[in-house]
Amino acid sequence: MSKILVDTIDTRSGTSNMTIGSSNTSQITLKSGATLTNFPNNTPAFFAKLSGNQTIAHNTQTVVAFNTEVYDTNSAFDTSAYKFTVPSGEAGKYIFTATAGYSNASQGVGARYQLMFNKNGSTEDFAGDWAQASDASADPTFNFTTQMNLSVNDYVQVTVYHNTGSDRTLQSAWARFFGYKLIGV
């Protein structure tokens, strides 16, 4: 094995791509404790949750009040408007996941519970899923993941809906919203 001692490896003038290894290379090994820097990561990224239970009115699409951040890499999640907004220079494809769960949702079979991601406040531009209660004492909990192509200043909120005939309690223990930008796509 040969050893090359250098401080910088760079491309020659007029080129911008560098290849390390060849078709014979199957593994590149770093010394224990060494790190690679300046690689892209999946940011912006955020994780938000409810600080307390939220009452959801019957037959009303309601924005979930995710008012507590677990983390927010780019300060892009607004805990007062409950939305993630794409920061400057960060347009692209994003993955979002949300979880919602109700308690004491004692409504008959077929009651509808819905979870949606709304883009820019539009009920016409959303991704979502819904579930029906399977028995009269169900406490439905569900989660949904989607991918969205977003431009700078687009925002995404989570809304829920139910048609059970009266107000229902969205449990803070089960309500989560997180997302991140995909890299290399």
Protein backbone atom coordinates (compact mmCIF):
# COMPACT_ATOMS: atom_id res chain seq x y z
CA MET A 1 0.00 0.00 0.00
CA SER A 2 1.22 3.51 -0.85
CA LYS A 3 0.78 6.66 1.18
CA ILE A 4 0.21 10.16 -0.22
CA LEU A 5 0.84 13.10 2.10
CA VAL A 6 -0.88 16.34 1.03
CA ASP A 7 -2.82 19.20 2.60
CA THR A 8 -5.23 19.87 -0.26
CA ILE A 9 -6.58 17.89 -3.21
CA ASP A 10 -8.24 20.01 -5.85
CA THR A 11 -9.31 19.76 -9.49
CA ARG A 12 -7.19 21.23 -12.23
CA SER A 13 -8.16 24.58 -13.72
CA GLY A 14 -11.25 24.43 -15.94
CA THR A 15 -12.81 21.37 -14.31
CA SER A 16 -15.31 21.14 -11.48
CA ASN A 17 -15.81 17.39 -10.89
CA MET A 18 -13.48 15.24 -8.84
CA THR A 19 -13.62 11.45 -8.63
CA ILE A 20 -12.08 9.55 -5.76
CA GLY A 21 -11.54 5.91 -6.60
CA SER A 22 -12.29 4.04 -9.79
CA SER A 23 -14.35 1.08 -10.91
CA ASN A 24 -11.98 -1.03 -8.77
CA THR A 25 -12.82 0.94 -5.58
CA SER A 26 -15.46 -0.66 -3.37
CA GLN A 27 -14.73 1.08 -0.08
CA ILE A 28 -13.12 4.29 1.17
CA THR A 29 -11.99 4.11 4.80
CA LEU A 30 -11.40 7.00 7.18
CA LYS A 31 -9.06 6.81 10.14
CA SER A 32 -10.90 6.27 13.43
CA GLY A 33 -12.17 9.63 14.70
CA ALA A 34 -11.80 11.39 11.33
CA THR A 35 -14.75 13.35 9.96
CA LEU A 36 -15.85 14.51 6.54
CA THR A 37 -17.03 18.09 6.32
CA ASN A 38 -19.00 20.30 3.94
CA PHE A 39 -21.44 17.59 2.91
CA PRO A 40 -25.07 18.54 2.44
CA ASN A 41 -27.54 17.44 5.08
CA ASN A 42 -31.30 17.10 5.31
CA THR A 43 -32.00 20.63 6.46
CA PRO A 44 -34.10 22.58 6.99
CA ALA A 45 -35.54 20.13 9.48
CA PHE A 46 -37.98 20.57 12.36
CA PHE A 47 -39.99 18.65 14.94
CA ALA A 48 -42.99 20.26 16.67
CA LYS A 49 -45.65 19.01 19.08
CA LEU A 50 -48.65 20.14 21.10
CA SER A 51 -47.96 21.44 24.61
CA GLY A 52 -51.47 20.43 25.74
CA ASN A 53 -54.64 18.81 24.45
CA GLN A 54 -56.60 20.65 21.75
CA THR A 55 -60.36 20.68 21.28
CA ILE A 56 -61.41 19.96 17.70
CA ALA A 57 -64.90 21.08 16.69
CA HIS A 58 -67.31 18.79 14.85
CA ASN A 59 -67.33 19.01 11.04
CA THR A 60 -64.61 21.70 10.92
CA GLN A 61 -61.19 21.50 9.33
CA THR A 62 -58.94 22.76 12.15
CA VAL A 63 -55.25 23.72 12.14
CA VAL A 64 -53.39 21.71 14.77
CA ALA A 65 -51.72 24.09 17.28
CA PHE A 66 -48.19 22.67 17.22
CA ASN A 67 -46.78 25.25 19.61
CA THR A 68 -43.68 23.54 21.01
CA GLU A 69 -40.49 22.93 19.05
CA VAL A 70 -38.30 19.96 19.80
CA TYR A 71 -35.82 21.24 17.20
CA ASP A 72 -35.81 23.63 14.26
CA THR A 73 -32.53 23.83 12.32
CA ASN A 74 -33.37 26.95 10.29
CA SER A 75 -35.91 28.73 12.52
CA ALA A 76 -38.49 27.94 9.82
CA PHE A 77 -41.30 26.64 12.04
CA ASP A 78 -43.65 29.26 13.49
CA THR A 79 -45.08 28.14 16.85
CA SER A 80 -47.70 30.90 16.86
CA ALA A 81 -49.07 30.23 13.34
CA TYR A 82 -48.31 26.48 13.59
CA LYS A 83 -46.63 26.27 10.21
CA PHE A 84 -43.35 25.46 8.49
CA THR A 85 -42.25 28.04 5.89
CA VAL A 86 -39.54 27.29 3.30
CA PRO A 87 -36.61 29.64 3.98
CA SER A 88 -34.75 31.62 1.33
CA GLY A 89 -32.53 29.39 -0.81
CA GLU A 90 -34.19 26.17 0.41
CA ALA A 91 -36.76 25.36 -2.30
CA GLY A 92 -36.98 21.65 -3.11
CA LYS A 93 -38.61 18.38 -2.17
CA TYR A 94 -39.61 17.88 1.46
CA ILE A 95 -40.85 14.92 3.51
CA PHE A 96 -43.47 15.62 6.20
CA THR A 97 -44.97 13.32 8.82
CA ALA A 98 -47.76 14.06 11.28
CA THR A 99 -49.46 11.99 13.95
CA ALA A 100 -52.80 12.71 15.62
CA GLY A 101 -54.80 10.83 18.21
CA TYR A 102 -58.15 11.46 19.85
CA SER A 103 -59.36 10.41 23.26
CA ASN A 104 -62.86 9.43 24.28
CA ALA A 105 -64.04 9.43 20.68
CA SER A 106 -67.02 7.29 21.52
CA GLN A 107 -68.82 7.54 18.21
CA GLY A 108 -70.32 4.72 16.23
CA VAL A 109 -68.76 2.69 13.49
CA GLY A 110 -68.02 4.77 10.40
CA ALA A 111 -67.22 8.07 12.12
CA ARG A 112 -64.64 9.86 9.97
CA TYR A 113 -61.31 11.24 11.23
CA GLN A 114 -58.99 13.05 8.82
CA LEU A 115 -55.39 14.32 8.92
CA MET A 116 -54.12 16.64 6.16
CA PHE A 117 -51.09 18.70 5.17
CA ASN A 118 -52.26 21.98 3.66
CA LYS A 119 -49.93 23.94 1.39
CA ASN A 120 -50.23 27.74 1.65
CA GLY A 121 -53.52 27.47 3.53
CA SER A 122 -55.35 25.91 0.61
CA THR A 123 -57.86 23.13 1.04
CA GLU A 124 -57.44 22.54 -2.69
CA ASP A 125 -53.69 21.84 -2.45
CA PHE A 126 -53.28 19.21 0.23
CA ALA A 127 -52.19 15.67 0.94
CA GLY A 128 -54.05 13.67 3.53
CA ASP A 129 -55.57 10.51 4.79
CA TRP A 130 -58.63 9.56 6.77
CA ALA A 131 -59.79 6.69 8.91
CA GLN A 132 -63.16 5.42 10.04
CA ALA A 133 -63.89 4.24 13.55
CA SER A 134 -64.16 0.48 13.67
CA ASP A 135 -66.09 0.25 16.91
CA ALA A 136 -68.12 2.50 19.17
CA SER A 137 -65.35 3.04 21.75
CA ALA A 138 -62.45 3.72 19.37
CA ASP A 139 -59.74 6.22 20.24
CA PRO A 140 -58.39 6.65 16.71
CA THR A 141 -54.73 7.47 16.30
CA PHE A 142 -53.15 7.71 12.89
CA ASN A 143 -50.17 9.14 11.11
CA PHE A 144 -49.49 10.21 7.57
CA THR A 145 -46.32 10.91 5.61
CA THR A 146 -46.13 12.80 2.33
CA GLN A 147 -43.64 14.40 -0.01
CA MET A 148 -44.14 17.93 -1.38
CA ASN A 149 -42.24 20.01 -3.89
CA LEU A 150 -42.03 23.48 -2.33
CA SER A 151 -40.82 26.93 -3.37
CA VAL A 152 -39.34 29.61 -1.13
CA ASN A 153 -42.04 31.08 1.17
CA ASP A 154 -44.45 28.16 0.62
CA TYR A 155 -45.78 26.98 3.97
CA VAL A 156 -47.29 23.77 5.28
CA GLN A 157 -49.72 23.28 8.15
CA VAL A 158 -51.41 20.20 9.56
CA THR A 159 -55.19 20.18 9.80
CA VAL A 160 -57.57 17.63 11.28
CA TYR A 161 -61.26 16.98 10.79
CA HIS A 162 -63.91 14.72 12.28
CA ASN A 163 -67.65 14.26 11.85
CA THR A 164 -68.55 12.65 15.15
CA GLY A 165 -71.35 15.03 16.12
CA SER A 166 -69.61 16.91 18.94
CA ASP A 167 -66.22 18.32 19.96
CA ARG A 168 -63.37 15.83 20.37
CA THR A 169 -60.05 16.05 22.21
CA LEU A 170 -56.83 15.80 20.24
CA GLN A 171 -54.28 14.33 22.65
CA SER A 172 -50.96 16.15 23.02
CA ALA A 173 -49.22 12.85 23.78
CA TRP A 174 -49.90 11.66 20.23
CA ALA A 175 -49.74 14.90 18.20
CA ARG A 176 -46.47 15.38 16.33
CA PHE A 177 -45.39 17.19 13.14
CA PHE A 178 -41.95 16.94 11.62
CA GLY A 179 -40.26 17.40 8.28
CA TYR A 180 -37.00 17.80 6.42
CA LYS A 181 -35.64 18.67 3.00
CA LEU A 182 -34.48 15.84 0.78
CA ILE A 183 -30.95 16.17 -0.53
CA GLY A 184 -29.68 15.00 -3.90
CA VAL A 185 -33.12 14.89 -5.50
